[in-house]
């Protein structure tokens, strides 16, 4: 379901403050657990470490990512891979 336009995009307040502080003080990375926040112009050229429930994954923010959520780029589940059976020797 899409968020109403009159509300604007959701951005965690602490995350936005950290991004502005990082830009002013030339800090190149920030950590966050807010996967539901929308990527805006304040995050461009920052390295954002996003928590997936187990550990933090790095994500370099580019202009193509504007308007997406942070959670769209970091997966929380591993892909299922079947192991191949070894052939028995006769």
C-alpha atoms as a PDB file:
ATOM      1  CA  UNK A   1       0.000   0.000   0.000  1.00  0.00           C
ATOM      2  CA  UNK A   2       1.294   3.462  -0.908  1.00  0.00           C
ATOM      3  CA  UNK A   3       1.758   6.222   1.653  1.00  0.00           C
ATOM      4  CA  UNK A   4      -0.471   9.284   1.184  1.00  0.00           C
ATOM      5  CA  UNK A   5       1.186  12.124  -0.724  1.00  0.00           C
ATOM      6  CA  UNK A   6       0.137  14.826   1.727  1.00  0.00           C
ATOM      7  CA  UNK A   7       2.062  13.075   4.527  1.00  0.00           C
ATOM      8  CA  UNK A   8       5.354  13.046   2.632  1.00  0.00           C
ATOM      9  CA  UNK A   9       8.026  10.349   2.797  1.00  0.00           C
ATOM     10  CA  UNK A  10       8.821   8.638   6.106  1.00  0.00           C
ATOM     11  CA  UNK A  11      12.309   9.315   7.448  1.00  0.00           C
ATOM     12  CA  UNK A  12      13.419   8.425  10.945  1.00  0.00           C
ATOM     13  CA  UNK A  13      14.258  11.691  12.776  1.00  0.00           C
ATOM     14  CA  UNK A  14      17.476  10.363  14.325  1.00  0.00           C
ATOM     15  CA  UNK A  15      18.643   9.025  10.965  1.00  0.00           C
ATOM     16  CA  UNK A  16      18.019  12.377   9.263  1.00  0.00           C
ATOM     17  CA  UNK A  17      19.899  14.255  11.999  1.00  0.00           C
ATOM     18  CA  UNK A  18      22.815  11.821  11.693  1.00  0.00           C
ATOM     19  CA  UNK A  19      22.928  12.303   7.905  1.00  0.00           C
ATOM     20  CA  UNK A  20      22.973  16.099   8.181  1.00  0.00           C
ATOM     21  CA  UNK A  21      25.640  15.925  10.911  1.00  0.00           C
ATOM     22  CA  UNK A  22      27.737  13.567   8.761  1.00  0.00           C
ATOM     23  CA  UNK A  23      27.576  15.935   5.765  1.00  0.00           C
ATOM     24  CA  UNK A  24      28.606  18.952   7.864  1.00  0.00           C
ATOM     25  CA  UNK A  25      31.514  17.211   9.604  1.00  0.00           C
ATOM     26  CA  UNK A  26      32.761  15.155   6.614  1.00  0.00           C
ATOM     27  CA  UNK A  27      31.882  11.824   8.225  1.00  0.00           C
ATOM     28  CA  UNK A  28      31.635   9.204   5.485  1.00  0.00           C
ATOM     29  CA  UNK A  29      29.371   6.605   7.137  1.00  0.00           C
ATOM     30  CA  UNK A  30      26.412   6.202   9.506  1.00  0.00           C
ATOM     31  CA  UNK A  31      24.721   3.196  11.129  1.00  0.00           C
ATOM     32  CA  UNK A  32      20.967   2.623  11.173  1.00  0.00           C
ATOM     33  CA  UNK A  33      18.334   0.031  11.950  1.00  0.00           C
ATOM     34  CA  UNK A  34      15.555   1.936  10.189  1.00  0.00           C
ATOM     35  CA  UNK A  35      14.920  -0.117   7.052  1.00  0.00           C
ATOM     36  CA  UNK A  36      11.568   1.617   6.457  1.00  0.00           C
ATOM     37  CA  UNK A  37      13.039   5.102   5.983  1.00  0.00           C
ATOM     38  CA  UNK A  38      13.001   6.638   2.515  1.00  0.00           C
ATOM     39  CA  UNK A  39      16.253   7.655   0.823  1.00  0.00           C
ATOM     40  CA  UNK A  40      16.399  11.422   0.161  1.00  0.00           C
ATOM     41  CA  UNK A  41      18.966  13.931  -1.113  1.00  0.00           C
ATOM     42  CA  UNK A  42      20.541  14.171   2.351  1.00  0.00           C
ATOM     43  CA  UNK A  43      21.965  10.639   2.033  1.00  0.00           C
ATOM     44  CA  UNK A  44      23.676  10.944  -1.368  1.00  0.00           C
ATOM     45  CA  UNK A  45      27.380   9.890  -1.346  1.00  0.00           C
ATOM     46  CA  UNK A  46      27.158   8.474   2.190  1.00  0.00           C
ATOM     47  CA  UNK A  47      28.015   4.951   3.232  1.00  0.00           C
ATOM     48  CA  UNK A  48      25.077   3.722   5.307  1.00  0.00           C
ATOM     49  CA  UNK A  49      25.396   0.531   7.336  1.00  0.00           C
ATOM     50  CA  UNK A  50      21.940  -1.070   7.568  1.00  0.00           C
ATOM     51  CA  UNK A  51      21.028  -3.741  10.100  1.00  0.00           C
ATOM     52  CA  UNK A  52      19.306  -6.806   8.649  1.00  0.00           C
ATOM     53  CA  UNK A  53      18.580  -8.510  11.972  1.00  0.00           C
ATOM     54  CA  UNK A  54      21.949 -10.225  12.321  1.00  0.00           C
ATOM     55  CA  UNK A  55      24.670  -7.787  11.275  1.00  0.00           C
ATOM     56  CA  UNK A  56      25.213  -4.459   9.522  1.00  0.00           C
ATOM     57  CA  UNK A  57      25.658  -4.370   5.748  1.00  0.00           C
ATOM     58  CA  UNK A  58      27.275  -1.422   3.917  1.00  0.00           C
ATOM     59  CA  UNK A  59      25.316   0.447   1.268  1.00  0.00           C
ATOM     60  CA  UNK A  60      26.734   3.322  -0.795  1.00  0.00           C
ATOM     61  CA  UNK A  61      23.878   5.734  -1.596  1.00  0.00           C
ATOM     62  CA  UNK A  62      23.703   6.937  -5.218  1.00  0.00           C
ATOM     63  CA  UNK A  63      21.283   9.216  -7.067  1.00  0.00           C
ATOM     64  CA  UNK A  64      19.497   6.235  -8.631  1.00  0.00           C
ATOM     65  CA  UNK A  65      18.336   5.110  -5.181  1.00  0.00           C
ATOM     66  CA  UNK A  66      16.315   8.254  -4.377  1.00  0.00           C
ATOM     67  CA  UNK A  67      12.742   7.474  -3.355  1.00  0.00           C
ATOM     68  CA  UNK A  68      13.413   3.858  -2.413  1.00  0.00           C
ATOM     69  CA  UNK A  69      13.471   2.448   1.114  1.00  0.00           C
ATOM     70  CA  UNK A  70      16.702   1.300   2.758  1.00  0.00           C
ATOM     71  CA  UNK A  71      15.224  -2.171   3.224  1.00  0.00           C
ATOM     72  CA  UNK A  72      14.837  -2.653  -0.540  1.00  0.00           C
ATOM     73  CA  UNK A  73      18.587  -3.129  -0.923  1.00  0.00           C
ATOM     74  CA  UNK A  74      19.388  -5.294   2.110  1.00  0.00           C
ATOM     75  CA  UNK A  75      17.870  -8.772   2.362  1.00  0.00           C
ATOM     76  CA  UNK A  76      16.978 -10.370   5.697  1.00  0.00           C
ATOM     77  CA  UNK A  77      16.818 -13.981   4.533  1.00  0.00           C
ATOM     78  CA  UNK A  78      19.386 -16.185   2.860  1.00  0.00           C
ATOM     79  CA  UNK A  79      18.599 -17.816  -0.452  1.00  0.00           C
ATOM     80  CA  UNK A  80      17.920 -21.528  -0.213  1.00  0.00           C
ATOM     81  CA  UNK A  81      20.585 -23.611  -1.942  1.00  0.00           C
ATOM     82  CA  UNK A  82      20.288 -27.364  -2.249  1.00  0.00           C
ATOM     83  CA  UNK A  83      23.459 -29.323  -1.696  1.00  0.00           C
ATOM     84  CA  UNK A  84      24.495 -31.680  -4.449  1.00  0.00           C
ATOM     85  CA  UNK A  85      24.655 -35.358  -3.524  1.00  0.00           C
ATOM     86  CA  UNK A  86      27.983 -37.109  -3.846  1.00  0.00           C
ATOM     87  CA  UNK A  87      28.101 -40.066  -6.195  1.00  0.00           C
ATOM     88  CA  UNK A  88      28.855 -43.376  -4.535  1.00  0.00           C
ATOM     89  CA  UNK A  89      31.734 -45.448  -5.850  1.00  0.00           C
ATOM     90  CA  UNK A  90      30.941 -49.073  -6.699  1.00  0.00           C
END
